[in-house]
Protein backbone atom coordinates (compact mmCIF):
# COMPACT_ATOMS: atom_id res chain seq x y z
CA MET A 1 65.38 -50.51 24.42
CA CYS A 2 66.72 -51.92 21.15
CA GLU A 3 64.79 -51.37 17.92
CA GLU A 4 63.77 -55.04 17.58
CA CYS A 5 62.63 -55.12 21.24
CA GLN A 6 60.43 -52.08 20.62
CA GLU A 7 58.94 -53.77 17.55
CA ILE A 8 58.14 -56.95 19.50
CA ALA A 9 56.71 -54.98 22.43
CA GLY A 10 54.33 -53.22 20.01
CA MET A 11 53.02 -56.46 18.45
CA LYS A 12 49.72 -57.97 19.54
CA PRO A 13 50.05 -61.51 20.93
CA LEU A 14 50.23 -64.19 18.24
CA PHE A 15 46.89 -66.06 18.23
CA VAL A 16 47.31 -69.84 17.98
CA PRO A 17 44.07 -71.87 17.90
CA LEU A 18 44.63 -75.50 18.93
CA LYS A 19 42.66 -78.73 19.01
CA LYS A 20 41.59 -79.67 22.54
CA GLN A 21 44.23 -82.42 22.92
CA PHE A 22 47.10 -80.07 21.98
CA PHE A 23 45.76 -77.23 24.14
CA GLU A 24 45.61 -79.60 27.12
CA ALA A 25 49.15 -80.81 26.37
CA PHE A 26 50.45 -77.21 26.50
CA LYS A 27 48.46 -76.64 29.69
CA SER A 28 50.01 -79.69 31.40
CA GLY A 29 53.51 -78.83 30.17
CA GLU A 30 53.73 -82.01 28.07
CA LYS A 31 53.89 -79.94 24.84
CA THR A 32 56.24 -77.00 24.38
CA ALA A 33 56.45 -76.62 20.59
CA GLU A 34 53.86 -75.92 17.91
CA TYR A 35 54.40 -76.92 14.27
CA ARG A 36 52.71 -74.89 11.54
CA LYS A 37 52.82 -74.50 7.78
CA ILE A 38 54.68 -71.36 6.87
CA SER A 39 52.02 -68.77 6.04
CA ASN A 40 51.16 -65.09 6.43
CA ASN A 41 50.37 -65.73 10.12
CA PHE A 42 53.23 -68.12 10.91
CA ASN A 43 56.62 -67.11 9.53
CA LEU A 44 59.95 -65.69 10.73
CA LYS A 45 58.56 -62.13 10.67
CA THR A 46 55.51 -62.87 12.80
CA CYS A 47 57.04 -65.50 15.12
CA LYS A 48 59.78 -63.49 16.78
CA ILE A 49 61.55 -64.61 19.94
CA GLY A 50 60.04 -62.70 22.86
CA ARG A 51 56.65 -62.15 21.26
CA LYS A 52 53.66 -62.95 23.43
CA VAL A 53 51.36 -65.78 22.37
CA THR A 54 47.73 -66.56 23.06
CA LEU A 55 47.02 -70.29 22.88
CA ALA A 56 43.31 -70.99 22.45
CA LYS A 57 41.30 -74.17 22.77
CA GLY A 58 39.81 -73.89 19.30
CA TYR A 59 37.87 -70.67 19.09
CA THR A 60 36.47 -70.90 22.62
CA LYS A 61 37.26 -68.43 25.38
CA GLU A 62 39.62 -70.86 27.14
CA ARG A 63 43.10 -69.39 26.67
CA LEU A 64 46.69 -69.68 27.86
CA SER A 65 49.34 -66.98 27.64
CA GLY A 66 52.89 -67.67 26.65
CA ILE A 67 56.00 -66.29 25.07
CA ILE A 68 58.02 -67.45 22.06
CA LYS A 69 61.37 -68.80 23.26
CA SER A 70 62.81 -70.00 19.93
CA VAL A 71 61.81 -70.46 16.30
CA GLU A 72 63.24 -72.64 13.57
CA ILE A 73 62.42 -73.72 10.05
CA CYS A 74 62.19 -77.46 9.42
CA HIS A 75 62.97 -78.57 5.87
CA LYS A 76 61.68 -82.13 6.41
CA PRO A 77 58.37 -81.64 8.23
CA ASN A 78 57.07 -85.14 7.41
CA SER A 79 59.32 -86.38 10.23
CA LEU A 80 57.57 -84.18 12.83
CA PRO A 81 55.08 -85.98 15.10
CA GLY A 82 51.54 -85.68 13.71
CA TRP A 83 52.58 -83.55 10.72
CA VAL A 84 51.47 -85.89 7.91
CA GLU A 85 48.12 -86.59 9.61
CA CYS A 86 47.45 -82.87 9.91
CA TYR A 87 48.98 -81.36 6.76
CA GLY A 88 49.70 -84.28 4.40
CA GLU A 89 53.02 -85.06 2.73
CA ASN A 90 53.26 -82.17 0.27
CA GLU A 91 54.40 -79.31 2.51
CA PRO A 92 58.11 -78.60 1.91
CA LYS A 93 58.74 -76.60 5.12
CA ALA A 94 57.35 -76.03 8.59
CA ILE A 95 57.96 -73.47 11.27
CA ILE A 96 58.62 -74.83 14.76
CA ILE A 97 57.60 -72.36 17.47
CA ASN A 98 58.86 -73.15 20.97
CA ILE A 99 56.53 -71.60 23.53
CA GLU A 100 56.85 -71.15 27.27
CA VAL A 101 53.43 -71.04 28.90
CA GLU A 102 53.21 -68.40 31.63
C-alpha cells in the first residue's frame, strides 16, 4: 500500500454536519458536492481523495457514509449556488468536496 493510501486509511471519517435540506439532497442523490470555507477542518490536507466521510443531519444521529471522490479550490465562491446566503460575499476561496454516498 502506498504511503498516502496508508495515511488516508488511518484517518477517521471527515464529519460534515448539514442542514436538513442538504442532508436529504445527498440522501436522494440530488446533491453530490459540498462547499465549505477553507478552515482547519476543511482544507486540502483534511479532504483527501479516498477519505471516508460521515454526513450528518445537523448534530442528530441520522447519518450517511460516503467517500471523497474529488476536491478542488474555487477562487470565486460567490458564484456557487447558495454560497452568498450561507457565507456572505467576503470569503475569497472555497473548497468543493465531491462525495459519493455509499
